[in-house]
Each structure stands twice: as structure tokens, then as C-alpha cells.
C-alpha atoms as a PDB file:
ATOM      1  CA  MET A   1      14.038 -72.939-140.262  1.00  0.00           C
ATOM      2  CA  THR A   2      15.665 -71.752-137.851  1.00  0.00           C
ATOM      3  CA  VAL A   3      19.402 -71.637-137.209  1.00  0.00           C
ATOM      4  CA  ALA A   4      19.412 -73.877-134.632  1.00  0.00           C
ATOM      5  CA  VAL A   5      17.505 -76.465-136.873  1.00  0.00           C
ATOM      6  CA  LEU A   6      19.514 -75.468-139.669  1.00  0.00           C
ATOM      7  CA  ARG A   7      23.328 -75.924-138.512  1.00  0.00           C
ATOM      8  CA  LYS A   8      21.647 -79.629-136.367  1.00  0.00           C
ATOM      9  CA  GLU A   9      20.483 -80.673-140.159  1.00  0.00           C
ATOM     10  CA  LEU A  10      23.820 -79.721-141.318  1.00  0.00           C
ATOM     11  CA  HIS A  11      25.914 -81.543-139.161  1.00  0.00           C
ATOM     12  CA  GLY A  12      23.842 -84.738-139.754  1.00  0.00           C
ATOM     13  CA  TYR A  13      24.757 -84.759-143.292  1.00  0.00           C
ATOM     14  CA  ILE A  14      28.449 -84.101-142.867  1.00  0.00           C
ATOM     15  CA  ASP A  15      28.026 -87.311-139.842  1.00  0.00           C
ATOM     16  CA  ALA A  16      26.928 -89.425-142.859  1.00  0.00           C
ATOM     17  CA  MET A  17      29.803 -88.417-145.221  1.00  0.00           C
ATOM     18  CA  PRO A  18      32.192 -90.826-145.815  1.00  0.00           C
ATOM     19  CA  GLU A  19      35.157 -89.761-145.162  1.00  0.00           C
ATOM     20  CA  TYR A  20      36.761 -89.097-148.823  1.00  0.00           C
ATOM     21  CA  ASN A  21      33.908 -86.382-149.234  1.00  0.00           C
ATOM     22  CA  LEU A  22      35.069 -85.153-146.006  1.00  0.00           C
ATOM     23  CA  THR A  23      37.956 -84.139-146.689  1.00  0.00           C
ATOM     24  CA  ALA A  24      37.249 -82.923-150.078  1.00  0.00           C
ATOM     25  CA  LEU A  25      34.251 -80.576-148.478  1.00  0.00           C
ATOM     26  CA  GLN A  26      37.226 -79.978-145.522  1.00  0.00           C
ATOM     27  CA  PRO A  27      38.663 -76.308-147.612  1.00  0.00           C
ATOM     28  CA  LEU A  28      35.219 -74.783-148.490  1.00  0.00           C
ATOM     29  CA  LEU A  29      33.740 -75.488-144.663  1.00  0.00           C
ATOM     30  CA  SER A  30      37.150 -74.051-143.506  1.00  0.00           C
ATOM     31  CA  VAL A  31      36.801 -70.428-146.492  1.00  0.00           C
ATOM     32  CA  LEU A  32      32.849 -70.494-144.942  1.00  0.00           C
ATOM     33  CA  ALA A  33      33.527 -70.663-141.612  1.00  0.00           C
ATOM     34  CA  GLU A  34      36.416 -67.176-141.209  1.00  0.00           C
ATOM     35  CA  PRO A  35      34.939 -63.782-140.734  1.00  0.00           C
ATOM     36  CA  ARG A  36      34.291 -61.603-144.095  1.00  0.00           C
ATOM     37  CA  PHE A  37      36.574 -59.030-142.955  1.00  0.00           C
ATOM     38  CA  THR A  38      37.831 -57.704-139.743  1.00  0.00           C
ATOM     39  CA  ILE A  39      37.833 -54.180-138.591  1.00  0.00           C
ATOM     40  CA  GLU A  40      41.078 -53.265-136.951  1.00  0.00           C
ATOM     41  CA  PRO A  41      41.319 -49.868-134.990  1.00  0.00           C
ATOM     42  CA  ALA A  42      42.605 -46.992-136.938  1.00  0.00           C
ATOM     43  CA  SER A  43      46.647 -46.477-136.197  1.00  0.00           C
ATOM     44  CA  SER A  44      47.123 -42.711-134.642  1.00  0.00           C
ATOM     45  CA  ALA A  45      48.652 -41.818-137.572  1.00  0.00           C
ATOM     46  CA  GLU A  46      45.223 -42.478-139.277  1.00  0.00           C
ATOM     47  CA  GLY A  47      43.447 -41.390-136.486  1.00  0.00           C
ATOM     48  CA  LYS A  48      44.863 -38.164-136.051  1.00  0.00           C
ATOM     49  CA  ARG A  49      44.341 -37.804-140.527  1.00  0.00           C
ATOM     50  CA  ILE A  50      40.437 -38.449-139.549  1.00  0.00           C
ATOM     51  CA  GLU A  51      40.366 -36.214-137.097  1.00  0.00           C
ATOM     52  CA  LYS A  52      41.764 -33.370-139.576  1.00  0.00           C
ATOM     53  CA  ARG A  53      39.573 -34.091-142.468  1.00  0.00           C
ATOM     54  CA  VAL A  54      36.833 -34.459-140.457  1.00  0.00           C
ATOM     55  CA  LYS A  55      37.537 -30.167-138.649  1.00  0.00           C
ATOM     56  CA  GLU A  56      38.351 -29.441-142.389  1.00  0.00           C
ATOM     57  CA  TYR A  57      34.965 -30.950-143.278  1.00  0.00           C
ATOM     58  CA  HIS A  58      32.893 -29.069-140.463  1.00  0.00           C
ATOM     59  CA  GLU A  59      34.609 -25.588-141.237  1.00  0.00           C
ATOM     60  CA  ASN A  60      33.937 -25.909-145.097  1.00  0.00           C
ATOM     61  CA  PRO A  61      31.427 -28.514-146.014  1.00  0.00           C
ATOM     62  CA  SER A  62      31.082 -26.998-149.167  1.00  0.00           C
ATOM     63  CA  SER A  63      34.420 -28.305-149.826  1.00  0.00           C
ATOM     64  CA  PHE A  64      33.471 -32.128-150.071  1.00  0.00           C
ATOM     65  CA  VAL A  65      31.739 -33.541-152.873  1.00  0.00           C
ATOM     66  CA  PRO A  66      29.721 -36.039-152.116  1.00  0.00           C
ATOM     67  CA  TRP A  67      29.990 -40.200-152.759  1.00  0.00           C
ATOM     68  CA  LYS A  68      27.593 -40.111-155.480  1.00  0.00           C
ATOM     69  CA  GLU A  69      29.233 -37.000-157.563  1.00  0.00           C
ATOM     70  CA  VAL A  70      32.498 -39.042-157.574  1.00  0.00           C
ATOM     71  CA  LYS A  71      31.161 -42.112-158.527  1.00  0.00           C
ATOM     72  CA  ARG A  72      29.300 -40.150-161.746  1.00  0.00           C
ATOM     73  CA  LYS A  73      32.335 -38.336-162.158  1.00  0.00           C
ATOM     74  CA  LEU A  74      34.592 -42.163-162.065  1.00  0.00           C
ATOM     75  CA  LYS A  75      32.345 -43.490-164.321  1.00  0.00           C
ATOM     76  CA  THR A  76      31.928 -41.034-167.292  1.00  0.00           C
ATOM     77  CA  LYS A  77      36.338 -41.402-166.301  1.00  0.00           C
ATOM     78  CA  ASN A  78      35.812 -45.086-167.415  1.00  0.00           C
ATOM     79  CA  GLY A  79      33.392 -44.204-170.314  1.00  0.00           C
ATOM     80  CA  GLU A  80      30.262 -46.044-168.247  1.00  0.00           C
ATOM     81  CA  LYS A  81      26.895 -45.362-168.376  1.00  0.00           C
END
């Protein structure tokens, strides 16, 4: 089923609903219609911190800990397996 067909089907369901169901459905649909997250541009201070860390990484990559290792250590610290 294509997205267009699915949207048309859902619109049909909404068009057929009694008014009391619409008022119950409205909060759910308003939440589902919102973007999952918003990406905002970095502030100038954040940009400077990023540039500094990238420079540090390029100067000495071995000083950085891979995310996989950080996650493993956090799990160990929290008693997870």
C-alpha cells in the first residue's frame, strides 16, 4: 500500500467518525503529527567547542575513547552485562 493510498484510507476513517470520536482522537493525532525532534544550528560557542575538539582529535587521535568502549564502561559501572 502506498503512502498516498494509506493517507486516503485514514482520511476516510476520520470523515466517517462521529464528532465525539474526533475530539478523543485529536490529541493523539496532534502528537503524532509533530516532528520527532528538531535540529537547531549550533550556537557560536558550541561551534567553537566542536572545532576545538576536532582539532584535538586530529592532533592526537589516540587520546579519544571510542563510543563502544565508553558504553561498555558505563554498563560495567552500572552493574549491567
